[in-house]
Amino acid sequence: MITAGTLFAVVLVMVRRIQGPFRTSVLLLLSVTLLQAVIGFTQYYNGIPVLLVGAHMLGRRC
């Protein structure tokens, strides 16, 4: 759901040429989302057990 919201916000910012703190926040959220995807794919392709990845993500939320 965050990915869909991020995509919507990026399109909104680009199409309407929004400036200021909202644009900065949207681009930062996009960067963090992409970084999280890269980390997830790296963990998956390196064969890290799913439960360990899940525990890592749960610990990150707390």
PDB file of N, CA and C in Angstrom:
ATOM      1  N   MET A   1       0.818  -1.188   0.000  1.00  0.00           N
ATOM      2  CA  MET A   1       0.000   0.000   0.000  1.00  0.00           C
ATOM      3  C   MET A   1       0.869   1.263   0.000  1.00  0.00           C
ATOM      4  N   ILE A   2       2.006   1.188   0.711  1.00  0.00           N
ATOM      5  CA  ILE A   2       2.897   2.348   0.730  1.00  0.00           C
ATOM      6  C   ILE A   2       3.455   2.610  -0.666  1.00  0.00           C
ATOM      7  N   THR A   3       3.746   1.528  -1.391  1.00  0.00           N
ATOM      8  CA  THR A   3       4.302   1.688  -2.735  1.00  0.00           C
ATOM      9  C   THR A   3       3.305   2.396  -3.647  1.00  0.00           C
ATOM     10  N   ALA A   4       2.034   2.022  -3.578  1.00  0.00           N
ATOM     11  CA  ALA A   4       1.010   2.662  -4.399  1.00  0.00           C
ATOM     12  C   ALA A   4       0.849   4.127  -4.016  1.00  0.00           C
ATOM     13  N   GLY A   5       0.854   4.402  -2.731  1.00  0.00           N
ATOM     14  CA  GLY A   5       0.753   5.783  -2.269  1.00  0.00           C
ATOM     15  C   GLY A   5       1.951   6.620  -2.674  1.00  0.00           C
ATOM     16  N   THR A   6       3.127   6.005  -2.607  1.00  0.00           N
ATOM     17  CA  THR A   6       4.351   6.701  -3.013  1.00  0.00           C
ATOM     18  C   THR A   6       4.292   7.035  -4.493  1.00  0.00           C
ATOM     19  N   LEU A   7       3.891   6.060  -5.293  1.00  0.00           N
ATOM     20  CA  LEU A   7       3.780   6.287  -6.742  1.00  0.00           C
ATOM     21  C   LEU A   7       2.788   7.396  -7.058  1.00  0.00           C
ATOM     22  N   PHE A   8       1.635   7.372  -6.384  1.00  0.00           N
ATOM     23  CA  PHE A   8       0.627   8.404  -6.594  1.00  0.00           C
ATOM     24  C   PHE A   8       1.180   9.777  -6.237  1.00  0.00           C
ATOM     25  N   ALA A   9       1.877   9.865  -5.112  1.00  0.00           N
ATOM     26  CA  ALA A   9       2.434  11.143  -4.669  1.00  0.00           C
ATOM     27  C   ALA A   9       3.506  11.646  -5.634  1.00  0.00           C
ATOM     28  N   VAL A  10       4.349  10.737  -6.134  1.00  0.00           N
ATOM     29  CA  VAL A  10       5.393  11.141  -7.084  1.00  0.00           C
ATOM     30  C   VAL A  10       4.769  11.674  -8.367  1.00  0.00           C
ATOM     31  N   VAL A  11       3.757  10.990  -8.870  1.00  0.00           N
ATOM     32  CA  VAL A  11       3.080  11.461 -10.083  1.00  0.00           C
ATOM     33  C   VAL A  11       2.441  12.818  -9.833  1.00  0.00           C
ATOM     34  N   LEU A  12       1.793  12.972  -8.703  1.00  0.00           N
ATOM     35  CA  LEU A  12       1.152  14.244  -8.354  1.00  0.00           C
ATOM     36  C   LEU A  12       2.183  15.371  -8.303  1.00  0.00           C
ATOM     37  N   VAL A  13       3.308  15.128  -7.663  1.00  0.00           N
ATOM     38  CA  VAL A  13       4.355  16.145  -7.538  1.00  0.00           C
ATOM     39  C   VAL A  13       4.929  16.511  -8.904  1.00  0.00           C
ATOM     40  N   MET A  14       5.146  15.508  -9.749  1.00  0.00           N
ATOM     41  CA  MET A  14       5.754  15.768 -11.056  1.00  0.00           C
ATOM     42  C   MET A  14       4.780  16.447 -12.029  1.00  0.00           C
ATOM     43  N   VAL A  15       3.546  15.966 -12.065  1.00  0.00           N
ATOM     44  CA  VAL A  15       2.568  16.524 -13.010  1.00  0.00           C
ATOM     45  C   VAL A  15       2.192  17.953 -12.644  1.00  0.00           C
ATOM     46  N   ARG A  16       1.960  18.194 -11.370  1.00  0.00           N
ATOM     47  CA  ARG A  16       1.547  19.537 -10.935  1.00  0.00           C
ATOM     48  C   ARG A  16       2.711  20.451 -10.595  1.00  0.00           C
ATOM     49  N   ARG A  17       3.920  19.940 -10.735  1.00  0.00           N
ATOM     50  CA  ARG A  17       5.145  20.707 -10.467  1.00  0.00           C
ATOM     51  C   ARG A  17       5.126  21.351  -9.077  1.00  0.00           C
ATOM     52  N   ILE A  18       4.765  20.541  -8.097  1.00  0.00           N
ATOM     53  CA  ILE A  18       4.693  21.010  -6.714  1.00  0.00           C
ATOM     54  C   ILE A  18       6.112  21.196  -6.170  1.00  0.00           C
ATOM     55  N   GLN A  19       6.326  22.287  -5.480  1.00  0.00           N
ATOM     56  CA  GLN A  19       7.629  22.605  -4.895  1.00  0.00           C
ATOM     57  C   GLN A  19       7.518  22.623  -3.373  1.00  0.00           C
ATOM     58  N   GLY A  20       8.632  22.740  -2.714  1.00  0.00           N
ATOM     59  CA  GLY A  20       8.638  22.933  -1.268  1.00  0.00           C
ATOM     60  C   GLY A  20       8.778  21.656  -0.478  1.00  0.00           C
ATOM     61  N   PRO A  21       8.366  21.712   0.785  1.00  0.00           N
ATOM     62  CA  PRO A  21       8.591  20.579   1.683  1.00  0.00           C
ATOM     63  C   PRO A  21       7.820  19.316   1.284  1.00  0.00           C
ATOM     64  N   PHE A  22       6.655  19.457   0.659  1.00  0.00           N
ATOM     65  CA  PHE A  22       5.896  18.277   0.234  1.00  0.00           C
ATOM     66  C   PHE A  22       6.677  17.499  -0.821  1.00  0.00           C
ATOM     67  N   ARG A  23       7.251  18.207  -1.776  1.00  0.00           N
ATOM     68  CA  ARG A  23       8.050  17.560  -2.825  1.00  0.00           C
ATOM     69  C   ARG A  23       9.260  16.854  -2.211  1.00  0.00           C
ATOM     70  N   THR A  24       9.927  17.523  -1.289  1.00  0.00           N
ATOM     71  CA  THR A  24      11.089  16.938  -0.628  1.00  0.00           C
ATOM     72  C   THR A  24      10.695  15.660   0.120  1.00  0.00           C
ATOM     73  N   SER A  25       9.581  15.716   0.825  1.00  0.00           N
ATOM     74  CA  SER A  25       9.110  14.553   1.581  1.00  0.00           C
ATOM     75  C   SER A  25       8.761  13.386   0.659  1.00  0.00           C
ATOM     76  N   VAL A  26       8.108  13.687  -0.448  1.00  0.00           N
ATOM     77  CA  VAL A  26       7.724  12.642  -1.406  1.00  0.00           C
ATOM     78  C   VAL A  26       8.963  11.994  -2.013  1.00  0.00           C
ATOM     79  N   LEU A  27       9.929  12.786  -2.393  1.00  0.00           N
ATOM     80  CA  LEU A  27      11.136  12.230  -2.999  1.00  0.00           C
ATOM     81  C   LEU A  27      11.954  11.439  -1.973  1.00  0.00           C
ATOM     82  N   LEU A  28      11.958  11.880  -0.725  1.00  0.00           N
ATOM     83  CA  LEU A  28      12.629  11.131   0.331  1.00  0.00           C
ATOM     84  C   LEU A  28      11.921   9.795   0.569  1.00  0.00           C
ATOM     85  N   LEU A  29      10.588   9.805   0.591  1.00  0.00           N
ATOM     86  CA  LEU A  29       9.826   8.573   0.750  1.00  0.00           C
ATOM     87  C   LEU A  29      10.095   7.614  -0.408  1.00  0.00           C
ATOM     88  N   LEU A  30      10.174   8.131  -1.621  1.00  0.00           N
ATOM     89  CA  LEU A  30      10.492   7.305  -2.784  1.00  0.00           C
ATOM     90  C   LEU A  30      11.879   6.677  -2.627  1.00  0.00           C
ATOM     91  N   SER A  31      12.836   7.449  -2.183  1.00  0.00           N
ATOM     92  CA  SER A  31      14.195   6.943  -1.997  1.00  0.00           C
ATOM     93  C   SER A  31      14.242   5.832  -0.955  1.00  0.00           C
ATOM     94  N   VAL A  32      13.567   6.037   0.152  1.00  0.00           N
ATOM     95  CA  VAL A  32      13.546   5.035   1.219  1.00  0.00           C
ATOM     96  C   VAL A  32      12.834   3.768   0.748  1.00  0.00           C
ATOM     97  N   THR A  33      11.751   3.910  -0.004  1.00  0.00           N
ATOM     98  CA  THR A  33      11.020   2.762  -0.532  1.00  0.00           C
ATOM     99  C   THR A  33      11.894   1.953  -1.485  1.00  0.00           C
ATOM    100  N   LEU A  34      12.598   2.643  -2.369  1.00  0.00           N
ATOM    101  CA  LEU A  34      13.483   1.947  -3.310  1.00  0.00           C
ATOM    102  C   LEU A  34      14.637   1.264  -2.582  1.00  0.00           C
ATOM    103  N   LEU A  35      15.194   1.922  -1.587  1.00  0.00           N
ATOM    104  CA  LEU A  35      16.275   1.326  -0.810  1.00  0.00           C
ATOM    105  C   LEU A  35      15.795   0.077  -0.081  1.00  0.00           C
ATOM    106  N   GLN A  36      14.601   0.133   0.475  1.00  0.00           N
ATOM    107  CA  GLN A  36      14.041  -1.026   1.162  1.00  0.00           C
ATOM    108  C   GLN A  36      13.836  -2.186   0.192  1.00  0.00           C
ATOM    109  N   ALA A  37      13.412  -1.892  -1.030  1.00  0.00           N
ATOM    110  CA  ALA A  37      13.241  -2.932  -2.052  1.00  0.00           C
ATOM    111  C   ALA A  37      14.583  -3.566  -2.408  1.00  0.00           C
ATOM    112  N   VAL A  38      15.602  -2.751  -2.570  1.00  0.00           N
ATOM    113  CA  VAL A  38      16.935  -3.273  -2.887  1.00  0.00           C
ATOM    114  C   VAL A  38      17.438  -4.171  -1.759  1.00  0.00           C
ATOM    115  N   ILE A  39      17.253  -3.758  -0.531  1.00  0.00           N
ATOM    116  CA  ILE A  39      17.673  -4.567   0.612  1.00  0.00           C
ATOM    117  C   ILE A  39      16.906  -5.896   0.639  1.00  0.00           C
ATOM    118  N   GLY A  40      15.614  -5.844   0.397  1.00  0.00           N
ATOM    119  CA  GLY A  40      14.794  -7.059   0.384  1.00  0.00           C
ATOM    120  C   GLY A  40      15.225  -8.032  -0.702  1.00  0.00           C
ATOM    121  N   PHE A  41      15.453  -7.531  -1.907  1.00  0.00           N
ATOM    122  CA  PHE A  41      15.905  -8.402  -2.995  1.00  0.00           C
ATOM    123  C   PHE A  41      17.281  -8.978  -2.701  1.00  0.00           C
ATOM    124  N   THR A  42      18.163  -8.182  -2.119  1.00  0.00           N
ATOM    125  CA  THR A  42      19.503  -8.665  -1.775  1.00  0.00           C
ATOM    126  C   THR A  42      19.410  -9.794  -0.752  1.00  0.00           C
ATOM    127  N   GLN A  43      18.590  -9.607   0.253  1.00  0.00           N
ATOM    128  CA  GLN A  43      18.416 -10.651   1.257  1.00  0.00           C
ATOM    129  C   GLN A  43      17.829 -11.911   0.625  1.00  0.00           C
ATOM    130  N   TYR A  44      16.867 -11.756  -0.258  1.00  0.00           N
ATOM    131  CA  TYR A  44      16.225 -12.897  -0.904  1.00  0.00           C
ATOM    132  C   TYR A  44      17.215 -13.686  -1.758  1.00  0.00           C
ATOM    133  N   TYR A  45      17.969 -12.967  -2.580  1.00  0.00           N
ATOM    134  CA  TYR A  45      18.887 -13.641  -3.494  1.00  0.00           C
ATOM    135  C   TYR A  45      20.132 -14.189  -2.797  1.00  0.00           C
ATOM    136  N   ASN A  46      20.436 -13.726  -1.617  1.00  0.00           N
ATOM    137  CA  ASN A  46      21.558 -14.273  -0.858  1.00  0.00           C
ATOM    138  C   ASN A  46      21.138 -15.445   0.018  1.00  0.00           C
ATOM    139  N   GLY A  47      19.865 -15.783  -0.037  1.00  0.00           N
ATOM    140  CA  GLY A  47      19.380 -16.961   0.673  1.00  0.00           C
ATOM    141  C   GLY A  47      19.210 -16.784   2.167  1.00  0.00           C
ATOM    142  N   ILE A  48      19.010 -15.583   2.613  1.00  0.00           N
ATOM    143  CA  ILE A  48      18.769 -15.370   4.045  1.00  0.00           C
ATOM    144  C   ILE A  48      17.381 -15.929   4.367  1.00  0.00           C
ATOM    145  N   PRO A  49      17.265 -16.731   5.427  1.00  0.00           N
ATOM    146  CA  PRO A  49      15.972 -17.352   5.757  1.00  0.00           C
ATOM    147  C   PRO A  49      14.854 -16.319   5.935  1.00  0.00           C
ATOM    148  N   VAL A  50      13.677 -16.697   5.478  1.00  0.00           N
ATOM    149  CA  VAL A  50      12.517 -15.803   5.512  1.00  0.00           C
ATOM    150  C   VAL A  50      12.199 -15.356   6.936  1.00  0.00           C
ATOM    151  N   LEU A  51      12.281 -16.266   7.895  1.00  0.00           N
ATOM    152  CA  LEU A  51      11.972 -15.900   9.287  1.00  0.00           C
ATOM    153  C   LEU A  51      12.947 -14.863   9.824  1.00  0.00           C
ATOM    154  N   LEU A  52      14.205 -14.957   9.437  1.00  0.00           N
ATOM    155  CA  LEU A  52      15.191 -13.975   9.875  1.00  0.00           C
ATOM    156  C   LEU A  52      14.883 -12.600   9.285  1.00  0.00           C
ATOM    157  N   VAL A  53      14.500 -12.573   8.007  1.00  0.00           N
ATOM    158  CA  VAL A  53      14.134 -11.307   7.361  1.00  0.00           C
ATOM    159  C   VAL A  53      12.890 -10.728   8.039  1.00  0.00           C
ATOM    160  N   GLY A  54      11.917 -11.588   8.336  1.00  0.00           N
ATOM    161  CA  GLY A  54      10.707 -11.138   9.021  1.00  0.00           C
ATOM    162  C   GLY A  54      11.005 -10.570  10.397  1.00  0.00           C
ATOM    163  N   ALA A  55      11.891 -11.224  11.127  1.00  0.00           N
ATOM    164  CA  ALA A  55      12.278 -10.720  12.450  1.00  0.00           C
ATOM    165  C   ALA A  55      12.987  -9.379  12.336  1.00  0.00           C
ATOM    166  N   HIS A  56      13.816  -9.236  11.306  1.00  0.00           N
ATOM    167  CA  HIS A  56      14.517  -7.964  11.068  1.00  0.00           C
ATOM    168  C   HIS A  56      13.508  -6.848  10.809  1.00  0.00           C
ATOM    169  N   MET A  57      12.514  -7.131   9.974  1.00  0.00           N
ATOM    170  CA  MET A  57      11.515  -6.115   9.642  1.00  0.00           C
ATOM    171  C   MET A  57      10.656  -5.790  10.861  1.00  0.00           C
ATOM    172  N   LEU A  58      10.317  -6.784  11.651  1.00  0.00           N
ATOM    173  CA  LEU A  58       9.528  -6.550  12.853  1.00  0.00           C
ATOM    174  C   LEU A  58      10.310  -5.699  13.851  1.00  0.00           C
ATOM    175  N   GLY A  59      11.585  -5.983  13.995  1.00  0.00           N
ATOM    176  CA  GLY A  59      12.429  -5.203  14.894  1.00  0.00           C
ATOM    177  C   GLY A  59      12.580  -3.769  14.430  1.00  0.00           C
ATOM    178  N   ARG A  60      12.568  -3.565  13.126  1.00  0.00           N
ATOM    179  CA  ARG A  60      12.695  -2.217  12.559  1.00  0.00           C
ATOM    180  C   ARG A  60      11.463  -1.380  12.881  1.00  0.00           C
ATOM    181  N   ARG A  61      10.300  -2.006  12.954  1.00  0.00           N
ATOM    182  CA  ARG A  61       9.053  -1.288  13.210  1.00  0.00           C
ATOM    183  C   ARG A  61       8.908  -0.887  14.665  1.00  0.00           C
ATOM    184  N   CYS A  62       9.548  -1.608  15.560  1.00  0.00           N
ATOM    185  CA  CYS A  62       9.373  -1.347  16.999  1.00  0.00           C
ATOM    186  C   CYS A  62      10.215  -0.189  17.470  1.00  0.00           C
TER     187      CYS A  62
END
